[in-house]
């Protein structure tokens, strides 16, 4: 496999409810920078939902054997979002010789992401 594609879609309210019920869940799903960059903004949970979808999409694109959300970090400073891979996810990308590109979207009720493991562009780190 040179290229892989993953996609994920989720209901924003479902994530909001899960985070309300289990406050520690945020730290098990997101790196500190992922859940503090939008803190206090009305759309913060939408952004988190899109990031969660990206993690699922990357898992699918790399055909990982398990979902390890802290090994997939979504970063961006106002520009297009990027993925930083850690641990087994980074190792898998190196093994496949791919870099991972993502696209996120969200609206009031839904969030989605697509991930593309692109071959021949070097290893993701």
Protein backbone atom coordinates (compact mmCIF):
# COMPACT_ATOMS: atom_id res chain seq x y z
CA UNK A 1 0.00 0.00 0.00
CA UNK A 2 1.36 3.41 -0.95
CA UNK A 3 -1.68 5.53 -0.31
CA UNK A 4 -4.53 5.12 2.14
CA UNK A 5 -7.63 7.18 2.78
CA UNK A 6 -9.69 7.43 5.95
CA UNK A 7 -12.84 9.38 6.73
CA UNK A 8 -14.87 9.92 9.86
CA UNK A 9 -18.06 11.78 10.79
CA UNK A 10 -19.54 12.43 14.21
CA UNK A 11 -22.38 14.17 15.98
CA UNK A 12 -20.92 17.11 17.93
CA UNK A 13 -23.49 16.78 20.74
CA UNK A 14 -22.45 13.16 21.29
CA UNK A 15 -18.88 14.21 22.04
CA UNK A 16 -20.07 17.12 24.20
CA UNK A 17 -22.21 14.74 26.28
CA UNK A 18 -19.37 12.25 26.65
CA UNK A 19 -16.97 14.99 27.80
CA UNK A 20 -19.55 16.31 30.29
CA UNK A 21 -20.14 12.84 31.74
CA UNK A 22 -16.45 11.91 31.88
CA UNK A 23 -14.21 14.98 32.32
CA UNK A 24 -11.03 12.88 32.26
CA UNK A 25 -11.91 11.71 28.76
CA UNK A 26 -10.59 14.95 27.27
CA UNK A 27 -7.07 14.13 28.50
CA UNK A 28 -7.29 10.56 27.17
CA UNK A 29 -8.32 11.72 23.69
CA UNK A 30 -6.47 15.00 23.12
CA UNK A 31 -3.02 16.46 23.64
CA UNK A 32 -3.03 19.53 25.93
CA UNK A 33 -2.55 21.91 22.99
CA UNK A 34 -5.49 20.36 21.17
CA UNK A 35 -8.00 21.03 23.92
CA UNK A 36 -6.69 24.36 25.15
CA UNK A 37 -6.31 26.16 21.82
CA UNK A 38 -10.06 26.77 21.54
CA UNK A 39 -10.92 26.81 25.23
CA UNK A 40 -13.68 29.23 26.06
CA UNK A 41 -14.77 29.68 22.46
CA UNK A 42 -18.38 28.86 21.65
CA UNK A 43 -17.24 26.46 18.94
CA UNK A 44 -14.63 24.66 21.05
CA UNK A 45 -16.47 21.34 21.17
CA UNK A 46 -16.97 21.48 17.39
CA UNK A 47 -13.24 21.89 16.93
CA UNK A 48 -12.57 18.99 19.29
CA UNK A 49 -15.07 16.84 17.41
CA UNK A 50 -13.32 17.61 14.11
CA UNK A 51 -9.97 16.72 15.69
CA UNK A 52 -11.41 13.48 17.03
CA UNK A 53 -12.64 12.65 13.53
CA UNK A 54 -9.16 13.37 12.18
CA UNK A 55 -7.67 10.90 14.65
CA UNK A 56 -10.14 8.23 13.51
CA UNK A 57 -9.51 9.05 9.85
CA UNK A 58 -5.72 8.84 10.30
CA UNK A 59 -6.14 5.49 12.06
CA UNK A 60 -8.05 4.22 9.02
CA UNK A 61 -5.68 5.75 6.44
CA UNK A 62 -2.67 4.12 8.10
CA UNK A 63 -4.60 0.90 8.72
CA UNK A 64 -3.51 0.91 12.35
CA UNK A 65 -4.46 -2.12 14.43
CA UNK A 66 -5.87 0.00 17.28
CA UNK A 67 -7.15 3.50 17.95
CA UNK A 68 -4.50 5.38 19.92
CA UNK A 69 -5.70 8.98 20.02
CA UNK A 70 -2.68 10.43 21.82
CA UNK A 71 -0.38 9.13 19.07
CA UNK A 72 -2.19 11.34 16.55
CA UNK A 73 -1.96 15.06 17.27
CA UNK A 74 -3.80 17.65 15.20
CA UNK A 75 -1.97 20.97 15.11
CA UNK A 76 -2.55 24.28 13.39
CA UNK A 77 -1.95 27.93 14.12
CA UNK A 78 -4.60 29.53 11.98
CA UNK A 79 -3.42 27.79 8.83
CA UNK A 80 -4.41 24.42 7.46
CA UNK A 81 -4.43 21.70 10.11
CA UNK A 82 -1.56 19.25 10.17
CA UNK A 83 -0.92 15.93 11.84
CA UNK A 84 1.95 15.11 14.17
CA UNK A 85 2.35 11.38 14.65
CA UNK A 86 3.88 9.74 17.71
CA UNK A 87 4.63 6.18 18.81
CA UNK A 88 3.17 3.33 16.76
CA UNK A 89 1.37 5.74 14.41
CA UNK A 90 4.66 7.44 13.49
CA UNK A 91 6.34 4.06 13.11
CA UNK A 92 3.57 2.84 10.81
CA UNK A 93 3.85 5.94 8.61
CA UNK A 94 7.63 5.43 8.37
CA UNK A 95 7.12 1.75 7.57
CA UNK A 96 4.72 2.65 4.75
CA UNK A 97 6.85 5.58 3.59
CA UNK A 98 3.93 8.00 3.75
CA UNK A 99 3.08 11.43 5.06
CA UNK A 100 -0.46 12.11 6.29
CA UNK A 101 -2.52 15.04 5.07
CA UNK A 102 -5.86 15.94 6.68
CA UNK A 103 -8.89 18.08 6.02
CA UNK A 104 -11.39 18.98 8.75
CA UNK A 105 -14.85 20.46 8.72
CA UNK A 106 -17.56 21.13 11.23
CA UNK A 107 -20.87 22.84 11.57
CA UNK A 108 -23.33 23.17 14.41
CA UNK A 109 -24.29 19.49 14.66
CA UNK A 110 -21.65 17.53 12.77
CA UNK A 111 -17.91 17.29 12.39
CA UNK A 112 -15.92 15.34 9.84
CA UNK A 113 -12.38 14.71 8.69
CA UNK A 114 -10.55 13.04 5.85
CA UNK A 115 -7.00 11.74 6.08
CA UNK A 116 -4.82 10.76 3.17
CA UNK A 117 -1.63 8.77 3.65
CA UNK A 118 0.39 10.02 0.68
CA UNK A 119 3.22 7.81 -0.55
CA UNK A 120 6.52 8.97 -1.89
CA UNK A 121 6.63 12.30 -0.01
CA UNK A 122 8.77 11.14 2.87
CA UNK A 123 8.00 9.85 6.32
CA UNK A 124 5.69 11.54 8.76
CA UNK A 125 7.06 12.33 12.18
